[in-house]
N, C-alpha and C. Protein backbone atom coordinates (compact mmCIF):
# COMPACT_ATOMS: atom_id res chain seq x y z
N GLY A 1 6.43 -5.36 -1.17
CA GLY A 1 5.31 -4.84 -0.46
C GLY A 1 4.16 -5.83 -0.46
N ILE A 2 3.31 -5.69 0.51
CA ILE A 2 2.15 -6.56 0.66
C ILE A 2 0.91 -5.69 0.65
N GLY A 3 -0.14 -6.14 0.00
CA GLY A 3 -1.41 -5.44 0.04
C GLY A 3 -2.52 -6.43 0.32
N ILE A 4 -3.52 -5.99 1.03
CA ILE A 4 -4.69 -6.82 1.22
C ILE A 4 -5.25 -7.13 -0.18
N LEU A 5 -5.23 -6.11 -1.04
CA LEU A 5 -5.51 -6.28 -2.47
C LEU A 5 -4.29 -5.72 -3.18
N GLN A 6 -3.57 -6.54 -3.90
CA GLN A 6 -2.33 -6.13 -4.55
C GLN A 6 -2.49 -6.21 -6.07
N LEU A 7 -2.20 -5.09 -6.76
CA LEU A 7 -2.33 -5.02 -8.20
C LEU A 7 -0.96 -4.76 -8.81
N LEU A 8 -0.52 -5.66 -9.67
CA LEU A 8 0.81 -5.56 -10.26
C LEU A 8 0.75 -5.45 -11.78
N SER A 9 1.32 -4.42 -12.34
CA SER A 9 1.59 -4.27 -13.77
C SER A 9 0.49 -4.75 -14.71
N SER A 10 -0.74 -4.44 -14.39
CA SER A 10 -1.84 -4.75 -15.30
C SER A 10 -2.05 -3.56 -16.23
N ALA A 11 -2.72 -3.78 -17.35
CA ALA A 11 -2.99 -2.67 -18.26
C ALA A 11 -3.83 -1.61 -17.55
N SER A 12 -4.93 -1.99 -16.95
CA SER A 12 -5.72 -1.10 -16.11
C SER A 12 -6.77 -1.91 -15.36
N VAL A 13 -7.18 -1.39 -14.22
CA VAL A 13 -8.14 -2.06 -13.36
C VAL A 13 -9.15 -1.02 -12.91
N THR A 14 -10.42 -1.41 -12.76
CA THR A 14 -11.46 -0.54 -12.23
C THR A 14 -12.02 -1.16 -10.96
N ILE A 15 -12.09 -0.35 -9.89
CA ILE A 15 -12.65 -0.79 -8.61
C ILE A 15 -13.82 0.13 -8.29
N THR A 16 -15.02 -0.44 -8.12
CA THR A 16 -16.19 0.37 -7.80
C THR A 16 -16.94 -0.25 -6.62
N ASN A 17 -17.65 0.62 -5.90
CA ASN A 17 -18.54 0.20 -4.81
C ASN A 17 -17.86 -0.79 -3.87
N THR A 18 -16.71 -0.39 -3.32
CA THR A 18 -15.89 -1.29 -2.51
C THR A 18 -15.57 -0.66 -1.16
N VAL A 19 -15.68 -1.47 -0.10
CA VAL A 19 -15.28 -1.06 1.24
C VAL A 19 -14.25 -2.06 1.74
N ILE A 20 -13.11 -1.56 2.19
CA ILE A 20 -12.11 -2.38 2.87
C ILE A 20 -11.95 -1.77 4.25
N ASP A 21 -12.30 -2.53 5.28
CA ASP A 21 -12.35 -2.02 6.64
C ASP A 21 -11.48 -2.87 7.56
N GLN A 22 -10.80 -2.22 8.49
CA GLN A 22 -10.01 -2.85 9.54
C GLN A 22 -8.89 -3.74 9.01
N SER A 23 -8.17 -3.25 8.02
CA SER A 23 -7.01 -3.99 7.49
C SER A 23 -5.89 -3.98 8.51
N THR A 24 -5.21 -5.08 8.60
CA THR A 24 -4.03 -5.19 9.45
C THR A 24 -3.05 -6.13 8.78
N SER A 25 -1.80 -6.02 9.15
CA SER A 25 -0.77 -6.84 8.53
C SER A 25 0.39 -6.96 9.50
N PRO A 26 1.20 -8.01 9.37
CA PRO A 26 2.40 -8.07 10.20
C PRO A 26 3.31 -6.89 9.90
N ASN A 27 4.27 -6.66 10.71
CA ASN A 27 5.17 -5.52 10.57
C ASN A 27 6.08 -5.70 9.35
N VAL A 28 5.51 -5.46 8.16
CA VAL A 28 6.23 -5.59 6.90
C VAL A 28 6.26 -4.22 6.23
N PRO A 29 7.44 -3.75 5.78
CA PRO A 29 7.48 -2.45 5.09
C PRO A 29 6.63 -2.45 3.82
N TYR A 30 6.14 -1.29 3.48
CA TYR A 30 5.37 -1.08 2.26
C TYR A 30 4.14 -1.99 2.19
N THR A 31 3.37 -1.98 3.26
CA THR A 31 2.13 -2.74 3.36
C THR A 31 0.98 -1.75 3.35
N ALA A 32 -0.12 -2.09 2.68
CA ALA A 32 -1.30 -1.23 2.65
C ALA A 32 -2.54 -2.06 2.35
N SER A 33 -3.71 -1.48 2.60
CA SER A 33 -4.96 -2.16 2.24
C SER A 33 -5.02 -2.40 0.75
N LEU A 34 -4.56 -1.43 -0.03
CA LEU A 34 -4.54 -1.53 -1.48
C LEU A 34 -3.15 -1.13 -1.97
N ALA A 35 -2.38 -2.09 -2.47
CA ALA A 35 -1.02 -1.82 -2.97
C ALA A 35 -1.04 -1.90 -4.49
N ILE A 36 -0.54 -0.84 -5.15
CA ILE A 36 -0.64 -0.73 -6.60
C ILE A 36 0.75 -0.46 -7.18
N TYR A 37 1.17 -1.31 -8.12
CA TYR A 37 2.51 -1.21 -8.73
C TYR A 37 2.39 -1.12 -10.24
N SER A 38 2.91 -0.04 -10.82
CA SER A 38 3.08 0.10 -12.28
C SER A 38 1.81 -0.21 -13.07
N THR A 39 0.71 0.37 -12.69
CA THR A 39 -0.54 0.15 -13.42
C THR A 39 -1.45 1.37 -13.23
N THR A 40 -2.55 1.40 -13.96
CA THR A 40 -3.56 2.43 -13.82
C THR A 40 -4.78 1.82 -13.15
N VAL A 41 -5.27 2.47 -12.10
CA VAL A 41 -6.44 1.98 -11.38
C VAL A 41 -7.46 3.11 -11.31
N THR A 42 -8.67 2.83 -11.77
CA THR A 42 -9.79 3.77 -11.68
C THR A 42 -10.67 3.33 -10.52
N MET A 43 -11.00 4.28 -9.65
CA MET A 43 -11.81 3.98 -8.47
C MET A 43 -13.01 4.90 -8.39
N GLU A 44 -14.14 4.32 -8.02
CA GLU A 44 -15.36 5.10 -7.83
C GLU A 44 -16.14 4.49 -6.69
N ASN A 45 -16.52 5.33 -5.73
CA ASN A 45 -17.29 4.91 -4.56
C ASN A 45 -16.51 3.86 -3.76
N ILE A 46 -15.33 4.25 -3.27
CA ILE A 46 -14.52 3.34 -2.47
C ILE A 46 -14.31 3.92 -1.07
N THR A 47 -14.20 3.05 -0.11
CA THR A 47 -13.89 3.44 1.26
C THR A 47 -12.82 2.49 1.79
N LEU A 48 -11.72 3.06 2.27
CA LEU A 48 -10.66 2.31 2.93
C LEU A 48 -10.57 2.91 4.33
N SER A 49 -10.96 2.12 5.34
CA SER A 49 -11.10 2.71 6.67
C SER A 49 -10.61 1.81 7.79
N ASN A 50 -10.28 2.46 8.92
CA ASN A 50 -9.94 1.81 10.17
C ASN A 50 -8.80 0.81 10.05
N GLY A 51 -7.86 1.08 9.15
CA GLY A 51 -6.73 0.18 8.97
C GLY A 51 -5.59 0.49 9.91
N ARG A 52 -4.92 -0.53 10.37
CA ARG A 52 -3.68 -0.33 11.13
C ARG A 52 -2.50 -0.22 10.17
N ILE A 53 -2.82 -0.13 8.89
CA ILE A 53 -1.85 0.08 7.82
C ILE A 53 -2.43 1.17 6.91
N PRO A 54 -1.61 1.76 6.03
CA PRO A 54 -2.13 2.79 5.12
C PRO A 54 -3.26 2.27 4.23
N GLY A 55 -4.10 3.19 3.77
CA GLY A 55 -5.18 2.82 2.87
C GLY A 55 -4.67 2.41 1.50
N ILE A 56 -3.86 3.28 0.86
CA ILE A 56 -3.36 3.02 -0.50
C ILE A 56 -1.86 3.30 -0.54
N LEU A 57 -1.14 2.42 -1.19
CA LEU A 57 0.30 2.58 -1.41
C LEU A 57 0.56 2.34 -2.89
N THR A 58 1.24 3.28 -3.56
CA THR A 58 1.49 3.13 -5.00
C THR A 58 2.97 3.32 -5.33
N PHE A 59 3.40 2.65 -6.39
CA PHE A 59 4.72 2.83 -6.99
C PHE A 59 4.53 2.91 -8.49
N ASN A 60 4.91 4.03 -9.10
CA ASN A 60 4.81 4.20 -10.56
C ASN A 60 3.42 3.87 -11.07
N ALA A 61 2.41 4.43 -10.43
CA ALA A 61 1.02 4.11 -10.79
C ALA A 61 0.22 5.39 -11.02
N LEU A 62 -0.88 5.25 -11.74
CA LEU A 62 -1.84 6.33 -11.93
C LEU A 62 -3.14 5.91 -11.25
N LEU A 63 -3.60 6.73 -10.29
CA LEU A 63 -4.88 6.51 -9.63
C LEU A 63 -5.87 7.52 -10.18
N ILE A 64 -6.98 7.04 -10.69
CA ILE A 64 -8.03 7.92 -11.22
C ILE A 64 -9.26 7.74 -10.33
N PHE A 65 -9.69 8.82 -9.68
CA PHE A 65 -10.88 8.78 -8.85
C PHE A 65 -12.03 9.47 -9.57
N LYS A 66 -13.20 8.85 -9.52
CA LYS A 66 -14.41 9.41 -10.11
C LYS A 66 -15.49 9.47 -9.05
N GLY A 67 -16.34 10.50 -9.11
CA GLY A 67 -17.46 10.62 -8.20
C GLY A 67 -17.08 11.21 -6.86
N PRO A 68 -18.10 11.59 -6.08
CA PRO A 68 -17.86 12.30 -4.82
C PRO A 68 -17.65 11.40 -3.61
N ASP A 69 -17.87 10.10 -3.73
CA ASP A 69 -17.89 9.22 -2.56
C ASP A 69 -16.67 8.31 -2.47
N ASN A 70 -15.49 8.93 -2.30
CA ASN A 70 -14.24 8.20 -2.14
C ASN A 70 -13.62 8.65 -0.81
N PHE A 71 -13.46 7.71 0.13
CA PHE A 71 -13.06 8.06 1.49
C PHE A 71 -11.89 7.21 1.96
N LEU A 72 -10.89 7.87 2.54
CA LEU A 72 -9.80 7.21 3.23
C LEU A 72 -9.85 7.74 4.66
N THR A 73 -10.31 6.88 5.57
CA THR A 73 -10.69 7.33 6.90
C THR A 73 -10.07 6.47 8.00
N ASN A 74 -9.46 7.15 8.97
CA ASN A 74 -9.01 6.51 10.21
C ASN A 74 -8.01 5.38 9.97
N ASN A 75 -7.04 5.62 9.09
CA ASN A 75 -5.97 4.65 8.84
C ASN A 75 -4.69 5.11 9.54
N THR A 76 -3.76 4.19 9.75
CA THR A 76 -2.51 4.48 10.45
C THR A 76 -1.34 4.02 9.59
N GLY A 77 -0.28 4.82 9.56
CA GLY A 77 0.91 4.43 8.81
C GLY A 77 2.12 5.22 9.23
N TYR A 78 3.27 4.87 8.70
CA TYR A 78 4.51 5.59 9.00
C TYR A 78 4.68 6.76 8.03
N LYS A 79 4.62 6.50 6.73
CA LYS A 79 4.70 7.53 5.70
C LYS A 79 3.42 7.47 4.87
N GLY A 80 2.45 8.32 5.21
CA GLY A 80 1.18 8.37 4.50
C GLY A 80 0.19 7.34 5.00
N ALA A 81 -0.68 7.75 5.91
CA ALA A 81 -1.68 6.81 6.45
C ALA A 81 -2.86 6.65 5.49
N GLY A 82 -3.30 7.75 4.89
CA GLY A 82 -4.38 7.65 3.90
C GLY A 82 -3.85 7.09 2.59
N MET A 83 -2.76 7.70 2.11
CA MET A 83 -2.22 7.32 0.80
C MET A 83 -0.72 7.64 0.74
N GLY A 84 0.06 6.72 0.20
CA GLY A 84 1.47 6.96 -0.07
C GLY A 84 1.72 6.84 -1.56
N LEU A 85 2.09 7.96 -2.18
CA LEU A 85 2.37 7.97 -3.62
C LEU A 85 3.88 7.99 -3.80
N HIS A 86 4.44 6.90 -4.32
CA HIS A 86 5.88 6.76 -4.44
C HIS A 86 6.31 6.74 -5.90
N GLU A 87 7.58 7.14 -6.08
CA GLU A 87 8.21 7.23 -7.40
C GLU A 87 7.37 8.10 -8.33
N ASN A 88 6.96 7.60 -9.46
CA ASN A 88 6.28 8.44 -10.44
C ASN A 88 4.76 8.28 -10.38
N SER A 89 4.20 8.11 -9.20
CA SER A 89 2.75 7.93 -9.05
C SER A 89 2.03 9.27 -9.12
N HIS A 90 0.83 9.22 -9.69
CA HIS A 90 0.00 10.41 -9.83
C HIS A 90 -1.43 10.11 -9.43
N LEU A 91 -2.12 11.15 -9.03
CA LEU A 91 -3.51 11.09 -8.62
C LEU A 91 -4.31 12.00 -9.55
N GLN A 92 -5.38 11.47 -10.13
CA GLN A 92 -6.20 12.24 -11.07
C GLN A 92 -7.65 12.18 -10.61
N LEU A 93 -8.30 13.34 -10.59
CA LEU A 93 -9.74 13.41 -10.30
C LEU A 93 -10.44 13.70 -11.62
N SER A 94 -11.33 12.80 -12.02
CA SER A 94 -11.93 12.87 -13.34
C SER A 94 -13.45 12.79 -13.25
N GLY A 95 -14.13 13.64 -13.99
CA GLY A 95 -15.58 13.61 -14.00
C GLY A 95 -16.17 14.62 -13.05
N PRO A 96 -17.48 14.86 -13.17
CA PRO A 96 -18.12 15.88 -12.33
C PRO A 96 -18.11 15.49 -10.85
N ASN A 97 -17.87 16.47 -10.00
CA ASN A 97 -17.92 16.29 -8.54
C ASN A 97 -16.97 15.23 -8.02
N SER A 98 -15.84 15.01 -8.66
CA SER A 98 -14.90 13.99 -8.21
C SER A 98 -14.14 14.49 -6.99
N ARG A 99 -14.20 13.69 -5.92
CA ARG A 99 -13.56 14.07 -4.66
C ARG A 99 -12.94 12.85 -4.00
N VAL A 100 -11.90 13.11 -3.23
CA VAL A 100 -11.35 12.13 -2.30
C VAL A 100 -11.26 12.84 -0.96
N THR A 101 -11.86 12.22 0.07
CA THR A 101 -11.88 12.81 1.40
C THR A 101 -10.99 11.99 2.33
N PHE A 102 -10.03 12.67 2.97
CA PHE A 102 -9.10 12.07 3.92
C PHE A 102 -9.50 12.55 5.31
N THR A 103 -9.89 11.63 6.18
CA THR A 103 -10.37 12.01 7.52
C THR A 103 -9.71 11.16 8.60
N ARG A 104 -9.18 11.82 9.62
CA ARG A 104 -8.62 11.18 10.82
C ARG A 104 -7.57 10.11 10.53
N ASN A 105 -6.72 10.33 9.54
CA ASN A 105 -5.60 9.43 9.26
C ASN A 105 -4.40 9.90 10.08
N ARG A 106 -3.59 8.95 10.58
CA ARG A 106 -2.46 9.27 11.45
C ARG A 106 -1.18 8.60 10.95
N ALA A 107 -0.12 9.42 10.81
CA ALA A 107 1.18 8.89 10.37
C ALA A 107 2.29 9.70 11.02
N ASP A 108 3.52 9.23 10.89
CA ASP A 108 4.67 10.03 11.32
C ASP A 108 4.91 11.17 10.34
N PHE A 109 4.82 10.86 9.04
CA PHE A 109 5.00 11.85 7.97
C PHE A 109 3.78 11.77 7.05
N GLY A 110 3.07 12.88 6.84
CA GLY A 110 1.95 12.90 5.90
C GLY A 110 0.77 12.06 6.35
N GLY A 111 0.00 12.56 7.28
CA GLY A 111 -1.18 11.83 7.76
C GLY A 111 -2.15 11.49 6.64
N GLY A 112 -2.47 12.47 5.79
CA GLY A 112 -3.37 12.23 4.66
C GLY A 112 -2.65 11.60 3.49
N ILE A 113 -1.63 12.31 2.96
CA ILE A 113 -0.87 11.84 1.79
C ILE A 113 0.62 12.03 2.03
N PHE A 114 1.40 11.01 1.71
CA PHE A 114 2.86 11.12 1.69
C PHE A 114 3.32 11.00 0.25
N LEU A 115 4.17 11.94 -0.18
CA LEU A 115 4.74 11.89 -1.53
C LEU A 115 6.20 11.50 -1.42
N GLY A 116 6.52 10.30 -1.88
CA GLY A 116 7.89 9.81 -1.85
C GLY A 116 8.41 9.73 -3.27
N ARG A 117 9.09 10.77 -3.70
CA ARG A 117 9.53 10.86 -5.08
C ARG A 117 11.04 10.77 -5.19
N SER A 118 11.52 10.02 -6.14
CA SER A 118 12.94 9.95 -6.45
C SER A 118 13.31 11.15 -7.30
N GLU A 119 14.42 11.78 -7.00
CA GLU A 119 14.84 12.95 -7.78
C GLU A 119 15.07 12.60 -9.24
N THR A 120 15.43 11.38 -9.54
CA THR A 120 15.69 11.02 -10.93
C THR A 120 14.40 10.85 -11.72
N LEU A 121 13.29 10.58 -11.05
CA LEU A 121 12.02 10.38 -11.75
C LEU A 121 11.09 11.57 -11.63
N PHE A 122 11.37 12.47 -10.72
CA PHE A 122 10.44 13.54 -10.39
C PHE A 122 10.99 14.89 -10.80
N SER A 123 10.29 15.54 -11.68
CA SER A 123 10.66 16.88 -12.10
C SER A 123 10.04 17.89 -11.15
N LEU A 124 10.75 18.95 -10.82
CA LEU A 124 10.20 19.96 -9.92
C LEU A 124 8.97 20.64 -10.50
N SER A 125 8.77 20.57 -11.81
CA SER A 125 7.58 21.17 -12.41
C SER A 125 6.41 20.19 -12.45
N ASP A 126 6.64 18.98 -11.98
CA ASP A 126 5.63 17.93 -12.00
C ASP A 126 4.77 17.99 -10.75
N CYS A 127 3.49 17.76 -10.89
CA CYS A 127 2.57 17.76 -9.75
C CYS A 127 1.95 16.37 -9.63
N PHE A 128 1.77 15.90 -8.40
CA PHE A 128 1.18 14.58 -8.18
C PHE A 128 -0.32 14.56 -8.48
N LEU A 129 -0.95 15.74 -8.55
CA LEU A 129 -2.40 15.85 -8.67
C LEU A 129 -2.80 16.51 -9.97
N GLU A 130 -3.80 15.90 -10.65
CA GLU A 130 -4.35 16.49 -11.86
C GLU A 130 -5.88 16.48 -11.74
N LEU A 131 -6.47 17.66 -11.86
CA LEU A 131 -7.93 17.77 -11.82
C LEU A 131 -8.45 17.89 -13.25
N ILE A 132 -9.16 16.87 -13.70
CA ILE A 132 -9.75 16.89 -15.04
C ILE A 132 -11.09 17.63 -15.00
N SER A 133 -11.81 17.49 -13.91
CA SER A 133 -13.12 18.11 -13.77
C SER A 133 -12.98 19.62 -13.57
N THR A 134 -13.87 20.39 -14.17
CA THR A 134 -13.88 21.84 -13.96
C THR A 134 -14.89 22.22 -12.89
N ASN A 135 -15.59 21.25 -12.32
CA ASN A 135 -16.58 21.50 -11.29
C ASN A 135 -15.87 21.99 -10.03
N SER A 136 -16.39 23.05 -9.42
CA SER A 136 -15.72 23.66 -8.28
C SER A 136 -15.72 22.78 -7.03
N SER A 137 -16.58 21.77 -6.95
CA SER A 137 -16.58 20.92 -5.76
C SER A 137 -15.61 19.75 -5.90
N SER A 138 -14.98 19.59 -7.06
CA SER A 138 -13.98 18.54 -7.23
C SER A 138 -12.70 18.93 -6.51
N GLY A 139 -12.06 17.96 -5.88
CA GLY A 139 -10.80 18.23 -5.21
C GLY A 139 -10.53 17.24 -4.10
N LEU A 140 -9.47 17.52 -3.35
CA LEU A 140 -9.12 16.71 -2.20
C LEU A 140 -9.62 17.41 -0.95
N TYR A 141 -10.20 16.66 -0.03
CA TYR A 141 -10.71 17.22 1.21
C TYR A 141 -9.98 16.57 2.37
N PHE A 142 -9.42 17.39 3.27
CA PHE A 142 -8.64 16.90 4.40
C PHE A 142 -9.32 17.35 5.69
N ILE A 143 -9.66 16.38 6.57
CA ILE A 143 -10.36 16.69 7.81
C ILE A 143 -9.68 15.95 8.97
N ASN A 144 -9.09 16.70 9.89
CA ASN A 144 -8.54 16.16 11.14
C ASN A 144 -7.53 15.04 10.96
N ASN A 145 -6.65 15.15 9.96
CA ASN A 145 -5.53 14.22 9.83
C ASN A 145 -4.40 14.70 10.73
N SER A 146 -3.48 13.80 11.09
CA SER A 146 -2.40 14.22 11.97
C SER A 146 -1.11 13.48 11.63
N ALA A 147 0.01 14.13 12.00
CA ALA A 147 1.33 13.54 11.80
C ALA A 147 2.15 13.77 13.07
N LYS A 148 2.85 12.75 13.53
CA LYS A 148 3.70 12.88 14.71
C LYS A 148 4.85 13.84 14.46
N ILE A 149 5.40 13.82 13.22
CA ILE A 149 6.59 14.62 12.95
C ILE A 149 6.25 15.83 12.06
N VAL A 150 5.70 15.59 10.86
CA VAL A 150 5.41 16.72 9.98
C VAL A 150 4.39 16.31 8.91
N GLY A 151 3.57 17.28 8.48
CA GLY A 151 2.66 17.07 7.36
C GLY A 151 1.35 16.42 7.74
N ALA A 152 0.55 17.06 8.56
CA ALA A 152 -0.72 16.48 8.99
C ALA A 152 -1.56 16.03 7.79
N ASP A 153 -1.67 16.87 6.77
CA ASP A 153 -2.48 16.52 5.60
C ASP A 153 -1.63 15.98 4.45
N ILE A 154 -0.56 16.69 4.08
CA ILE A 154 0.31 16.27 2.96
C ILE A 154 1.76 16.53 3.36
N TYR A 155 2.63 15.57 3.03
CA TYR A 155 4.06 15.77 3.22
C TYR A 155 4.78 15.43 1.92
N GLY A 156 5.72 16.28 1.53
CA GLY A 156 6.53 16.04 0.34
C GLY A 156 6.09 16.87 -0.85
N LEU A 157 5.28 17.90 -0.62
CA LEU A 157 4.72 18.71 -1.69
C LEU A 157 5.31 20.11 -1.70
N SER A 158 5.71 20.55 -2.86
CA SER A 158 6.06 21.94 -3.04
C SER A 158 4.86 22.63 -3.67
N SER A 159 4.20 23.50 -2.92
CA SER A 159 2.97 24.12 -3.43
C SER A 159 3.21 24.98 -4.66
N GLU A 160 4.44 25.45 -4.86
CA GLU A 160 4.73 26.26 -6.05
C GLU A 160 4.62 25.45 -7.33
N THR A 161 4.77 24.13 -7.25
CA THR A 161 4.77 23.30 -8.44
C THR A 161 3.47 22.55 -8.65
N CYS A 162 2.46 22.84 -7.83
CA CYS A 162 1.24 22.05 -7.87
C CYS A 162 0.02 22.97 -7.81
N ASN A 163 -0.34 23.58 -8.92
CA ASN A 163 -1.44 24.53 -8.95
C ASN A 163 -2.79 23.92 -8.58
N ASP A 164 -3.03 22.65 -8.96
CA ASP A 164 -4.33 22.05 -8.70
C ASP A 164 -4.60 21.82 -7.22
N ILE A 165 -3.57 21.87 -6.38
CA ILE A 165 -3.78 21.68 -4.95
C ILE A 165 -4.58 22.84 -4.36
N SER A 166 -4.61 23.98 -5.04
CA SER A 166 -5.34 25.15 -4.52
C SER A 166 -6.85 24.88 -4.45
N ARG A 167 -7.34 23.87 -5.15
CA ARG A 167 -8.76 23.54 -5.09
C ARG A 167 -9.06 22.50 -4.00
N SER A 168 -8.09 22.25 -3.14
CA SER A 168 -8.29 21.32 -2.04
C SER A 168 -8.79 22.08 -0.82
N VAL A 169 -9.44 21.35 0.08
CA VAL A 169 -9.99 21.94 1.31
C VAL A 169 -9.26 21.32 2.50
N PHE A 170 -8.67 22.18 3.32
CA PHE A 170 -7.93 21.72 4.50
C PHE A 170 -8.68 22.17 5.76
N ASN A 171 -9.06 21.22 6.61
CA ASN A 171 -9.72 21.54 7.88
C ASN A 171 -8.97 20.92 9.03
């Protein structure tokens, strides 16, 4: 995979106050503005927007979002235009008012988020999302995302196994 910013197997990385706009790449599979492999990345106040490729693509990674100003907006992809969480990747919202807003992302499968999990690594009782914050405004926000085939906001999720998704807002 290729990423405009590619993070490989580091102990952990923190990204703050960052905007990545208008990312594009040749027709290479598993390309994204931010590609993360086998590491933990903490993000606060980030915007990934207007990409002709997905905003974030992960494999076996933990993404921790802090604060209310995290936006994945107007990105395009095949599986997950805003974010593609593959294999054993997880998304965690930590701290007061932690939010990630997905707006106007377009994909064939999962306009906002695509969950690509291997059956050998993914337990049916496992959820891709963990909310650490008890604040009621923390969560995922989905606004006008679309999918050509299925999953305008999220594809690959069994709502019975993911209780924290109930604190998300779908518009």
